Amino acid sequence: MEAHKNHRSIRKSLRLRGFNYALNGYYYITLCTQNKLCLFGEIKNGEMKLNDAGKMISNAWAEIPSIYDGFDNDLFIVMPNHMHCILVKAASAGPAQRPAPTLGLPELMRNFKSITTLHYIRGVKENAFEGFDKKLWQRSYYEHIIRDERSLNNIRQYIINNPAKWDEDRENPLWSPPNPNAPNR
């Protein structure tokens, strides 16, 4: 077998092939820090306690509807090393407070990651945010197109309960899968 001349691994796209991400709808998104670094705060007694970096991320996400015409937040939470959100893409309701082109979901996410990375770097230099190696965010993000009310409500419940279930969260760097060979108690 001939070795690949290009040593980069070929990444499988997480996006739904052929789907137009500029269409109206509800999108569930999970965005993780690179290497699952817990940079945005901590969970105490089942509640998320944002640090200054986490507050910056939360504020940046909360501003999306005022910056990007046609997008609105349904529900979101910033966790120690990731965030979950339900983003609503709706028909344009008029001009945004600031001029910005109408974007699809991938462009919005790229912009969000870029802007928050720049703000985070400034926070490292000026406000003693914890440093990171090369990238703040993982290369991609998880997204799910919400197609019905039941799914929307289940995802809302998952987001609301996420801090209380941090010990069971696969994004928690201390999480380990249950041992199937452990005795039942």
C-alpha atoms as a PDB file:
ATOM      1  CA  MET A   1       0.000   0.000   0.000  1.00  0.00           C
ATOM      2  CA  GLU A   2       1.424   3.363  -1.014  1.00  0.00           C
ATOM      3  CA  ALA A   3       1.846   5.929   1.761  1.00  0.00           C
ATOM      4  CA  HIS A   4      -0.226   9.078   1.504  1.00  0.00           C
ATOM      5  CA  LYS A   5       1.850  12.021   0.289  1.00  0.00           C
ATOM      6  CA  ASN A   6      -0.377  14.334   2.301  1.00  0.00           C
ATOM      7  CA  HIS A   7      -0.094  13.329   5.955  1.00  0.00           C
ATOM      8  CA  ARG A   8      -3.199  15.243   6.982  1.00  0.00           C
ATOM      9  CA  SER A   9      -6.019  12.971   8.006  1.00  0.00           C
ATOM     10  CA  ILE A  10      -9.180  13.264   5.991  1.00  0.00           C
ATOM     11  CA  ARG A  11     -11.947  14.568   8.251  1.00  0.00           C
ATOM     12  CA  LYS A  12     -15.503  13.424   7.877  1.00  0.00           C
ATOM     13  CA  SER A  13     -17.877  16.371   7.791  1.00  0.00           C
ATOM     14  CA  LEU A  14     -20.311  16.567  10.695  1.00  0.00           C
ATOM     15  CA  ARG A  15     -22.755  18.613   8.613  1.00  0.00           C
ATOM     16  CA  LEU A  16     -25.813  17.056   7.009  1.00  0.00           C
ATOM     17  CA  ARG A  17     -24.916  16.564   3.358  1.00  0.00           C
ATOM     18  CA  GLY A  18     -27.014  18.718   1.047  1.00  0.00           C
ATOM     19  CA  PHE A  19     -28.741  20.620   3.866  1.00  0.00           C
ATOM     20  CA  ASN A  20     -29.010  24.395   3.481  1.00  0.00           C
ATOM     21  CA  TYR A  21     -27.931  25.822   6.843  1.00  0.00           C
ATOM     22  CA  ALA A  22     -29.329  29.214   5.898  1.00  0.00           C
ATOM     23  CA  LEU A  23     -32.867  27.775   6.179  1.00  0.00           C
ATOM     24  CA  ASN A  24     -35.165  28.796   9.007  1.00  0.00           C
ATOM     25  CA  GLY A  25     -35.313  26.385  11.917  1.00  0.00           C
ATOM     26  CA  TYR A  26     -34.015  25.398  15.323  1.00  0.00           C
ATOM     27  CA  TYR A  27     -30.433  24.185  15.675  1.00  0.00           C
ATOM     28  CA  TYR A  28     -28.893  22.529  18.723  1.00  0.00           C
ATOM     29  CA  ILE A  29     -25.177  23.261  18.963  1.00  0.00           C
ATOM     30  CA  THR A  30     -22.378  22.063  21.228  1.00  0.00           C
ATOM     31  CA  LEU A  31     -19.068  23.876  20.981  1.00  0.00           C
ATOM     32  CA  CYS A  32     -16.048  22.543  22.941  1.00  0.00           C
ATOM     33  CA  THR A  33     -12.719  23.995  23.958  1.00  0.00           C
ATOM     34  CA  GLN A  34      -9.611  22.481  22.447  1.00  0.00           C
ATOM     35  CA  ASN A  35      -8.406  19.526  24.554  1.00  0.00           C
ATOM     36  CA  LYS A  36     -11.442  19.929  26.879  1.00  0.00           C
ATOM     37  CA  LEU A  37      -9.661  22.605  28.907  1.00  0.00           C
ATOM     38  CA  CYS A  38     -11.940  23.947  31.640  1.00  0.00           C
ATOM     39  CA  LEU A  39     -11.479  27.661  30.971  1.00  0.00           C
ATOM     40  CA  PHE A  40     -14.922  29.161  31.606  1.00  0.00           C
ATOM     41  CA  GLY A  41     -15.605  28.418  35.278  1.00  0.00           C
ATOM     42  CA  GLU A  42     -16.586  25.457  37.407  1.00  0.00           C
ATOM     43  CA  ILE A  43     -19.532  23.453  38.621  1.00  0.00           C
ATOM     44  CA  LYS A  44     -20.331  23.936  42.318  1.00  0.00           C
ATOM     45  CA  ASN A  45     -23.243  22.138  43.954  1.00  0.00           C
ATOM     46  CA  GLY A  46     -24.712  21.294  40.550  1.00  0.00           C
ATOM     47  CA  GLU A  47     -24.620  24.911  39.298  1.00  0.00           C
ATOM     48  CA  MET A  48     -22.350  26.528  36.740  1.00  0.00           C
ATOM     49  CA  LYS A  49     -20.261  29.354  38.192  1.00  0.00           C
ATOM     50  CA  LEU A  50     -18.836  31.395  35.318  1.00  0.00           C
ATOM     51  CA  ASN A  51     -15.447  33.034  35.698  1.00  0.00           C
ATOM     52  CA  ASP A  52     -14.642  36.236  33.761  1.00  0.00           C
ATOM     53  CA  ALA A  53     -13.780  34.245  30.637  1.00  0.00           C
ATOM     54  CA  GLY A  54     -17.058  32.336  30.865  1.00  0.00           C
ATOM     55  CA  LYS A  55     -18.966  35.591  31.288  1.00  0.00           C
ATOM     56  CA  MET A  56     -17.270  36.940  28.153  1.00  0.00           C
ATOM     57  CA  ILE A  57     -18.333  33.824  26.192  1.00  0.00           C
ATOM     58  CA  SER A  58     -21.879  34.045  27.551  1.00  0.00           C
ATOM     59  CA  ASN A  59     -22.163  37.749  26.720  1.00  0.00           C
ATOM     60  CA  ALA A  60     -20.802  37.204  23.201  1.00  0.00           C
ATOM     61  CA  TRP A  61     -23.394  34.478  22.553  1.00  0.00           C
ATOM     62  CA  ALA A  62     -26.195  36.598  24.041  1.00  0.00           C
ATOM     63  CA  GLU A  63     -25.331  39.394  21.566  1.00  0.00           C
ATOM     64  CA  ILE A  64     -25.848  37.221  18.474  1.00  0.00           C
ATOM     65  CA  PRO A  65     -29.460  38.359  17.847  1.00  0.00           C
ATOM     66  CA  SER A  66     -28.431  42.013  17.881  1.00  0.00           C
ATOM     67  CA  ILE A  67     -25.492  41.415  15.532  1.00  0.00           C
ATOM     68  CA  TYR A  68     -26.796  38.809  13.094  1.00  0.00           C
ATOM     69  CA  ASP A  69     -30.140  39.506  11.472  1.00  0.00           C
ATOM     70  CA  GLY A  70     -32.462  36.506  11.492  1.00  0.00           C
ATOM     71  CA  PHE A  71     -30.856  34.647  14.423  1.00  0.00           C
ATOM     72  CA  ASP A  72     -32.225  34.378  17.938  1.00  0.00           C
ATOM     73  CA  ASN A  73     -31.288  32.457  21.075  1.00  0.00           C
ATOM     74  CA  ASP A  74     -33.774  30.012  22.475  1.00  0.00           C
ATOM     75  CA  LEU A  75     -31.652  28.680  25.358  1.00  0.00           C
ATOM     76  CA  PHE A  76     -27.939  28.334  26.062  1.00  0.00           C
ATOM     77  CA  ILE A  77     -25.481  27.518  28.801  1.00  0.00           C
ATOM     78  CA  VAL A  78     -21.728  27.949  29.065  1.00  0.00           C
ATOM     79  CA  MET A  79     -20.129  25.016  30.878  1.00  0.00           C
ATOM     80  CA  PRO A  80     -16.510  24.729  32.155  1.00  0.00           C
ATOM     81  CA  ASN A  81     -15.157  23.560  28.782  1.00  0.00           C
ATOM     82  CA  HIS A  82     -18.043  23.723  26.336  1.00  0.00           C
ATOM     83  CA  MET A  83     -21.338  25.361  25.625  1.00  0.00           C
ATOM     84  CA  HIS A  84     -24.750  24.089  24.570  1.00  0.00           C
ATOM     85  CA  CYS A  85     -27.234  26.280  22.765  1.00  0.00           C
ATOM     86  CA  ILE A  86     -30.403  26.255  20.773  1.00  0.00           C
ATOM     87  CA  LEU A  87     -30.147  28.809  18.010  1.00  0.00           C
ATOM     88  CA  VAL A  88     -33.186  29.875  16.029  1.00  0.00           C
ATOM     89  CA  LYS A  89     -32.818  30.913  12.406  1.00  0.00           C
ATOM     90  CA  ALA A  90     -35.907  32.877  11.435  1.00  0.00           C
ATOM     91  CA  ALA A  91     -37.044  35.108   8.631  1.00  0.00           C
ATOM     92  CA  SER A  92     -35.475  38.522   8.832  1.00  0.00           C
ATOM     93  CA  ALA A  93     -37.461  40.794  11.119  1.00  0.00           C
ATOM     94  CA  GLY A  94     -35.824  43.988   9.972  1.00  0.00           C
ATOM     95  CA  PRO A  95     -32.356  45.442  10.198  1.00  0.00           C
ATOM     96  CA  ALA A  96     -30.008  44.335  12.961  1.00  0.00           C
ATOM     97  CA  GLN A  97     -28.598  46.963  15.284  1.00  0.00           C
ATOM     98  CA  ARG A  98     -25.273  46.663  13.502  1.00  0.00           C
ATOM     99  CA  PRO A  99     -24.765  46.034   9.792  1.00  0.00           C
ATOM    100  CA  ALA A 100     -23.903  42.423   9.051  1.00  0.00           C
ATOM    101  CA  PRO A 101     -24.596  40.156   6.109  1.00  0.00           C
ATOM    102  CA  THR A 102     -27.231  37.453   6.383  1.00  0.00           C
ATOM    103  CA  LEU A 103     -25.356  34.285   7.213  1.00  0.00           C
ATOM    104  CA  GLY A 104     -25.942  30.595   7.509  1.00  0.00           C
ATOM    105  CA  LEU A 105     -25.078  28.625  10.617  1.00  0.00           C
ATOM    106  CA  PRO A 106     -21.510  27.629   9.606  1.00  0.00           C
ATOM    107  CA  GLU A 107     -20.521  31.241   8.932  1.00  0.00           C
ATOM    108  CA  LEU A 108     -22.054  32.422  12.197  1.00  0.00           C
ATOM    109  CA  MET A 109     -20.186  29.735  14.153  1.00  0.00           C
ATOM    110  CA  ARG A 110     -16.904  30.564  12.417  1.00  0.00           C
ATOM    111  CA  ASN A 111     -17.386  34.244  13.293  1.00  0.00           C
ATOM    112  CA  PHE A 112     -18.321  33.465  16.902  1.00  0.00           C
ATOM    113  CA  LYS A 113     -15.268  31.259  17.405  1.00  0.00           C
ATOM    114  CA  SER A 114     -12.986  33.859  15.839  1.00  0.00           C
ATOM    115  CA  ILE A 115     -14.361  36.811  17.820  1.00  0.00           C
ATOM    116  CA  THR A 116     -14.365  34.988  21.147  1.00  0.00           C
ATOM    117  CA  THR A 117     -10.837  33.714  20.547  1.00  0.00           C
ATOM    118  CA  LEU A 118      -9.627  37.285  19.979  1.00  0.00           C
ATOM    119  CA  HIS A 119     -11.432  38.488  23.125  1.00  0.00           C
ATOM    120  CA  TYR A 120     -10.061  35.547  25.087  1.00  0.00           C
ATOM    121  CA  ILE A 121      -6.476  36.276  23.976  1.00  0.00           C
ATOM    122  CA  ARG A 122      -6.967  39.876  25.097  1.00  0.00           C
ATOM    123  CA  GLY A 123      -8.263  38.515  28.417  1.00  0.00           C
ATOM    124  CA  VAL A 124      -5.142  36.376  28.833  1.00  0.00           C
ATOM    125  CA  LYS A 125      -2.961  39.454  28.328  1.00  0.00           C
ATOM    126  CA  GLU A 126      -5.016  41.985  30.301  1.00  0.00           C
ATOM    127  CA  ASN A 127      -7.187  40.061  32.774  1.00  0.00           C
ATOM    128  CA  ALA A 128      -5.204  36.933  33.663  1.00  0.00           C
ATOM    129  CA  PHE A 129      -7.524  34.488  31.849  1.00  0.00           C
ATOM    130  CA  GLU A 130      -5.995  31.010  31.863  1.00  0.00           C
ATOM    131  CA  GLY A 131      -3.874  30.428  28.755  1.00  0.00           C
ATOM    132  CA  PHE A 132      -4.469  27.836  26.063  1.00  0.00           C
ATOM    133  CA  ASP A 133      -2.276  26.103  23.490  1.00  0.00           C
ATOM    134  CA  LYS A 134      -2.766  27.298  19.891  1.00  0.00           C
ATOM    135  CA  LYS A 135      -6.586  27.127  19.697  1.00  0.00           C
ATOM    136  CA  LEU A 136      -9.363  28.077  22.080  1.00  0.00           C
ATOM    137  CA  TRP A 137     -12.040  25.990  20.355  1.00  0.00           C
ATOM    138  CA  GLN A 138     -12.042  22.553  18.773  1.00  0.00           C
ATOM    139  CA  ARG A 139     -11.906  22.628  15.001  1.00  0.00           C
ATOM    140  CA  SER A 140     -15.577  21.893  14.468  1.00  0.00           C
ATOM    141  CA  TYR A 141     -18.757  21.767  16.534  1.00  0.00           C
ATOM    142  CA  TYR A 142     -21.653  19.390  17.023  1.00  0.00           C
ATOM    143  CA  GLU A 143     -24.958  20.449  15.529  1.00  0.00           C
ATOM    144  CA  HIS A 144     -28.367  18.856  15.324  1.00  0.00           C
ATOM    145  CA  ILE A 145     -31.296  20.109  13.282  1.00  0.00           C
ATOM    146  CA  ILE A 146     -34.313  20.118  15.600  1.00  0.00           C
ATOM    147  CA  ARG A 147     -37.286  18.860  13.653  1.00  0.00           C
ATOM    148  CA  ASP A 148     -40.153  18.685  16.152  1.00  0.00           C
ATOM    149  CA  GLU A 149     -41.485  20.029  19.460  1.00  0.00           C
ATOM    150  CA  ARG A 150     -40.701  16.852  21.409  1.00  0.00           C
ATOM    151  CA  SER A 151     -37.049  16.950  20.378  1.00  0.00           C
ATOM    152  CA  LEU A 152     -36.871  20.679  21.169  1.00  0.00           C
ATOM    153  CA  ASN A 153     -38.252  20.108  24.672  1.00  0.00           C
ATOM    154  CA  ASN A 154     -35.898  17.165  25.315  1.00  0.00           C
ATOM    155  CA  ILE A 155     -32.895  19.252  24.295  1.00  0.00           C
ATOM    156  CA  ARG A 156     -34.043  22.179  26.436  1.00  0.00           C
ATOM    157  CA  GLN A 157     -34.287  19.817  29.417  1.00  0.00           C
ATOM    158  CA  TYR A 158     -30.813  18.430  28.673  1.00  0.00           C
ATOM    159  CA  ILE A 159     -29.337  21.951  28.623  1.00  0.00           C
ATOM    160  CA  ILE A 160     -31.088  22.957  31.846  1.00  0.00           C
ATOM    161  CA  ASN A 161     -29.940  19.777  33.638  1.00  0.00           C
ATOM    162  CA  ASN A 162     -26.391  19.792  32.246  1.00  0.00           C
ATOM    163  CA  PRO A 163     -24.656  21.411  35.266  1.00  0.00           C
ATOM    164  CA  ALA A 164     -26.326  19.012  37.714  1.00  0.00           C
ATOM    165  CA  LYS A 165     -25.115  16.057  35.622  1.00  0.00           C
ATOM    166  CA  TRP A 166     -21.535  17.296  35.153  1.00  0.00           C
ATOM    167  CA  ASP A 167     -20.097  14.145  36.746  1.00  0.00           C
ATOM    168  CA  GLU A 168     -21.795  12.094  33.990  1.00  0.00           C
ATOM    169  CA  ASP A 169     -20.929  14.495  31.139  1.00  0.00           C
ATOM    170  CA  ARG A 170     -18.588  13.102  28.477  1.00  0.00           C
ATOM    171  CA  GLU A 171     -17.140  16.609  28.060  1.00  0.00           C
ATOM    172  CA  ASN A 172     -15.970  16.543  31.697  1.00  0.00           C
ATOM    173  CA  PRO A 173     -12.245  15.712  31.566  1.00  0.00           C
ATOM    174  CA  LEU A 174     -12.662  13.653  34.754  1.00  0.00           C
ATOM    175  CA  TRP A 175     -15.526  11.566  33.347  1.00  0.00           C
ATOM    176  CA  SER A 176     -14.976   7.874  32.801  1.00  0.00           C
ATOM    177  CA  PRO A 177     -17.425   5.402  31.339  1.00  0.00           C
ATOM    178  CA  PRO A 178     -19.173   3.070  33.768  1.00  0.00           C
ATOM    179  CA  ASN A 179     -17.411  -0.235  34.239  1.00  0.00           C
ATOM    180  CA  PRO A 180     -19.698  -2.949  32.817  1.00  0.00           C
ATOM    181  CA  ASN A 181     -17.859  -5.547  34.938  1.00  0.00           C
ATOM    182  CA  ALA A 182     -18.438  -3.725  38.224  1.00  0.00           C
ATOM    183  CA  PRO A 183     -20.716  -5.585  40.660  1.00  0.00           C
ATOM    184  CA  ASN A 184     -24.275  -4.293  40.934  1.00  0.00           C
ATOM    185  CA  ARG A 185     -25.040  -2.588  44.226  1.00  0.00           C
END
